[in-house]
Structure formats: C-alpha cells, structure tokens
C-alpha cells in the first residue's frame, strides 16, 4: 500500500531539511516507512532515492537542487 499524502509530505520535508546533526534520525524514519512498502511500490523506490541522498549528507556532502551530490563539505 502506498504512503498516504501526509506521511509522504512529512518525510519529504524531513529529508530536505536533513543535516549532519539529524541525518541518522531522518534515515531511521525513512527506513521505517520503507519497510512497510512492497518492493514494487513506486514509493519504495522514491524512499530509496531519499536514503541515497541522506547517505551523501551523512558523508558530509551538500545535495543541490538537482539532487546531485555537490563537492562542498557540509
């Protein structure tokens, strides 16, 4: 079952505002939401992309508007 609009919006906001001080907490929230989805669900893939973005943040990179990890250190 796909994520409801409210949950998806909340997670998207959390991901977009993630920084090194809260990235682990945001990753846990996204992983928990993703665990309840079927692998063929489009939201499963979307959350996987968000986890990839969060891994870049955890590694100290800044994610630009295009979603590509930039070369700047956070």
N, C-alpha and C. Protein backbone atom coordinates (compact mmCIF):
# COMPACT_ATOMS: atom_id res chain seq x y z
N UNK A 1 0.84 -1.17 0.00
CA UNK A 1 0.00 0.00 0.00
C UNK A 1 0.90 1.25 0.00
N UNK A 2 0.67 2.16 -0.93
CA UNK A 2 1.50 3.38 -0.99
C UNK A 2 1.34 4.23 0.26
N UNK A 3 2.32 5.09 0.45
CA UNK A 3 2.26 6.02 1.58
C UNK A 3 1.14 7.03 1.36
N UNK A 4 0.49 7.41 2.45
CA UNK A 4 -0.52 8.46 2.32
C UNK A 4 0.17 9.80 2.09
N UNK A 5 -0.57 10.72 1.54
CA UNK A 5 -0.02 12.02 1.15
C UNK A 5 0.63 12.76 2.32
N UNK A 6 -0.01 12.71 3.48
CA UNK A 6 0.51 13.43 4.65
C UNK A 6 1.85 12.86 5.11
N UNK A 7 1.96 11.55 5.16
CA UNK A 7 3.21 10.91 5.58
C UNK A 7 4.32 11.20 4.59
N UNK A 8 4.00 11.10 3.30
CA UNK A 8 5.00 11.36 2.27
C UNK A 8 5.49 12.81 2.34
N UNK A 9 4.57 13.74 2.56
CA UNK A 9 4.92 15.15 2.65
C UNK A 9 5.82 15.40 3.86
N UNK A 10 5.47 14.79 5.00
CA UNK A 10 6.28 14.97 6.21
C UNK A 10 7.69 14.43 6.00
N UNK A 11 7.79 13.25 5.41
CA UNK A 11 9.11 12.66 5.17
C UNK A 11 9.92 13.49 4.18
N UNK A 12 9.26 13.96 3.13
CA UNK A 12 9.96 14.79 2.13
C UNK A 12 10.53 16.04 2.79
N UNK A 13 9.74 16.67 3.67
CA UNK A 13 10.22 17.85 4.38
C UNK A 13 11.41 17.51 5.27
N UNK A 14 11.32 16.39 5.98
CA UNK A 14 12.41 15.97 6.87
C UNK A 14 13.69 15.72 6.08
N UNK A 15 13.55 15.06 4.93
CA UNK A 15 14.71 14.76 4.09
C UNK A 15 15.32 16.05 3.55
N UNK A 16 14.48 16.97 3.10
CA UNK A 16 15.01 18.20 2.51
C UNK A 16 15.69 19.09 3.54
N UNK A 17 15.32 18.95 4.81
CA UNK A 17 15.92 19.77 5.87
C UNK A 17 17.00 19.02 6.66
N UNK A 18 17.30 17.80 6.24
CA UNK A 18 18.28 16.98 6.97
C UNK A 18 19.66 17.62 6.92
N UNK A 19 20.38 17.46 8.03
CA UNK A 19 21.76 17.93 8.11
C UNK A 19 22.53 16.91 8.95
N UNK A 20 23.81 17.14 9.11
CA UNK A 20 24.64 16.16 9.82
C UNK A 20 24.17 15.88 11.24
N UNK A 21 23.53 16.85 11.88
CA UNK A 21 23.12 16.66 13.27
C UNK A 21 21.86 15.79 13.41
N UNK A 22 21.03 15.69 12.35
CA UNK A 22 19.81 14.90 12.48
C UNK A 22 19.66 13.83 11.40
N UNK A 23 20.68 13.63 10.58
CA UNK A 23 20.55 12.72 9.45
C UNK A 23 20.25 11.29 9.89
N UNK A 24 20.83 10.83 10.99
CA UNK A 24 20.57 9.45 11.43
C UNK A 24 19.11 9.26 11.82
N UNK A 25 18.54 10.25 12.47
CA UNK A 25 17.13 10.20 12.86
C UNK A 25 16.23 10.17 11.62
N UNK A 26 16.55 10.99 10.62
CA UNK A 26 15.75 11.04 9.40
C UNK A 26 15.88 9.73 8.63
N UNK A 27 17.09 9.17 8.57
CA UNK A 27 17.29 7.88 7.91
C UNK A 27 16.41 6.82 8.57
N UNK A 28 16.36 6.80 9.89
CA UNK A 28 15.54 5.81 10.60
C UNK A 28 14.07 5.97 10.25
N UNK A 29 13.59 7.21 10.14
CA UNK A 29 12.19 7.46 9.79
C UNK A 29 11.89 6.97 8.38
N UNK A 30 12.78 7.26 7.44
CA UNK A 30 12.57 6.85 6.06
C UNK A 30 12.64 5.32 5.94
N UNK A 31 13.60 4.71 6.63
CA UNK A 31 13.72 3.25 6.59
C UNK A 31 12.48 2.58 7.18
N UNK A 32 11.94 3.14 8.27
CA UNK A 32 10.74 2.57 8.89
C UNK A 32 9.55 2.65 7.93
N UNK A 33 9.40 3.79 7.26
CA UNK A 33 8.31 3.94 6.30
C UNK A 33 8.49 3.00 5.12
N UNK A 34 9.72 2.85 4.67
CA UNK A 34 10.02 1.99 3.51
C UNK A 34 9.80 0.52 3.84
N UNK A 35 10.03 0.13 5.08
CA UNK A 35 9.88 -1.27 5.48
C UNK A 35 8.44 -1.76 5.33
N UNK A 36 7.48 -0.85 5.39
CA UNK A 36 6.08 -1.23 5.26
C UNK A 36 5.58 -1.26 3.83
N UNK A 37 6.46 -1.02 2.87
CA UNK A 37 6.06 -0.97 1.46
C UNK A 37 6.55 -2.20 0.70
N UNK A 38 5.81 -2.56 -0.32
CA UNK A 38 6.23 -3.65 -1.19
C UNK A 38 7.34 -3.14 -2.11
N UNK A 39 8.32 -3.99 -2.44
CA UNK A 39 9.43 -3.57 -3.30
C UNK A 39 8.98 -3.05 -4.68
N UNK A 40 7.80 -3.44 -5.15
CA UNK A 40 7.34 -2.96 -6.45
C UNK A 40 6.51 -1.67 -6.35
N UNK A 41 6.38 -1.14 -5.14
CA UNK A 41 5.64 0.11 -4.91
C UNK A 41 6.50 1.29 -5.36
N UNK A 42 5.89 2.25 -6.06
CA UNK A 42 6.67 3.40 -6.53
C UNK A 42 7.24 4.21 -5.37
N UNK A 43 6.55 4.23 -4.23
CA UNK A 43 7.06 4.94 -3.06
C UNK A 43 8.28 4.24 -2.47
N UNK A 44 8.36 2.93 -2.63
CA UNK A 44 9.53 2.18 -2.16
C UNK A 44 10.78 2.70 -2.89
N UNK A 45 10.67 2.85 -4.20
CA UNK A 45 11.79 3.38 -4.98
C UNK A 45 12.10 4.82 -4.61
N UNK A 46 11.06 5.61 -4.44
CA UNK A 46 11.25 7.03 -4.08
C UNK A 46 12.01 7.14 -2.76
N UNK A 47 11.59 6.38 -1.76
CA UNK A 47 12.25 6.43 -0.47
C UNK A 47 13.68 5.91 -0.56
N UNK A 48 13.92 4.97 -1.45
CA UNK A 48 15.29 4.50 -1.68
C UNK A 48 16.18 5.62 -2.19
N UNK A 49 15.64 6.45 -3.07
CA UNK A 49 16.39 7.60 -3.56
C UNK A 49 16.66 8.60 -2.45
N UNK A 50 15.68 8.78 -1.58
CA UNK A 50 15.88 9.69 -0.44
C UNK A 50 16.96 9.15 0.49
N UNK A 51 16.99 7.83 0.69
CA UNK A 51 18.04 7.24 1.53
C UNK A 51 19.42 7.46 0.91
N UNK A 52 19.47 7.39 -0.41
CA UNK A 52 20.75 7.65 -1.08
C UNK A 52 21.18 9.10 -0.85
N UNK A 53 20.25 10.03 -1.00
CA UNK A 53 20.55 11.45 -0.73
C UNK A 53 21.03 11.63 0.71
N UNK A 54 20.36 10.97 1.64
CA UNK A 54 20.72 11.10 3.05
C UNK A 54 22.11 10.52 3.32
N UNK A 55 22.48 9.48 2.58
CA UNK A 55 23.82 8.91 2.77
C UNK A 55 24.89 9.91 2.36
N UNK A 56 24.60 10.72 1.36
CA UNK A 56 25.54 11.76 0.94
C UNK A 56 25.66 12.83 2.03
N UNK A 57 24.54 13.18 2.62
CA UNK A 57 24.55 14.18 3.70
C UNK A 57 25.35 13.64 4.88
N UNK A 58 25.13 12.38 5.22
CA UNK A 58 25.86 11.76 6.33
C UNK A 58 27.36 11.76 6.05
N UNK A 59 27.72 11.68 4.76
CA UNK A 59 29.12 11.67 4.38
C UNK A 59 29.72 13.07 4.27
N UNK A 60 28.90 14.10 4.53
CA UNK A 60 29.40 15.47 4.53
C UNK A 60 29.21 16.24 3.25
N UNK A 61 28.48 15.67 2.30
CA UNK A 61 28.26 16.38 1.03
C UNK A 61 26.96 17.16 1.09
N UNK A 62 26.89 18.21 0.30
CA UNK A 62 25.70 19.04 0.21
C UNK A 62 24.94 18.62 -1.04
N UNK A 63 23.65 18.37 -0.90
CA UNK A 63 22.82 17.99 -2.03
C UNK A 63 22.23 19.25 -2.65
N UNK A 64 22.48 19.46 -3.94
CA UNK A 64 21.95 20.63 -4.62
C UNK A 64 20.52 20.45 -5.05
N UNK A 65 19.96 21.44 -5.67
CA UNK A 65 18.57 21.38 -6.11
C UNK A 65 18.33 20.26 -7.12
N UNK A 66 19.33 19.88 -7.87
CA UNK A 66 19.15 18.82 -8.87
C UNK A 66 19.19 17.44 -8.23
N UNK A 67 19.55 17.37 -6.95
CA UNK A 67 19.65 16.08 -6.28
C UNK A 67 21.02 15.46 -6.39
N UNK A 68 21.89 16.09 -7.19
CA UNK A 68 23.24 15.56 -7.35
C UNK A 68 24.09 16.00 -6.18
N UNK A 69 24.89 15.08 -5.63
CA UNK A 69 25.76 15.49 -4.54
C UNK A 69 26.80 16.48 -5.06
N UNK A 70 26.93 17.57 -4.37
CA UNK A 70 27.91 18.59 -4.75
C UNK A 70 29.25 18.29 -4.12
N UNK A 71 30.23 19.03 -4.49
CA UNK A 71 31.57 18.82 -3.96
C UNK A 71 31.83 19.59 -2.69
N UNK A 72 30.83 20.32 -2.19
CA UNK A 72 31.03 21.13 -0.98
C UNK A 72 30.93 20.26 0.26
N UNK A 73 31.69 20.59 1.24
CA UNK A 73 31.62 19.89 2.53
C UNK A 73 30.65 20.61 3.43
N UNK A 74 29.79 19.86 4.13
CA UNK A 74 28.78 20.46 5.00
C UNK A 74 29.23 20.64 6.39
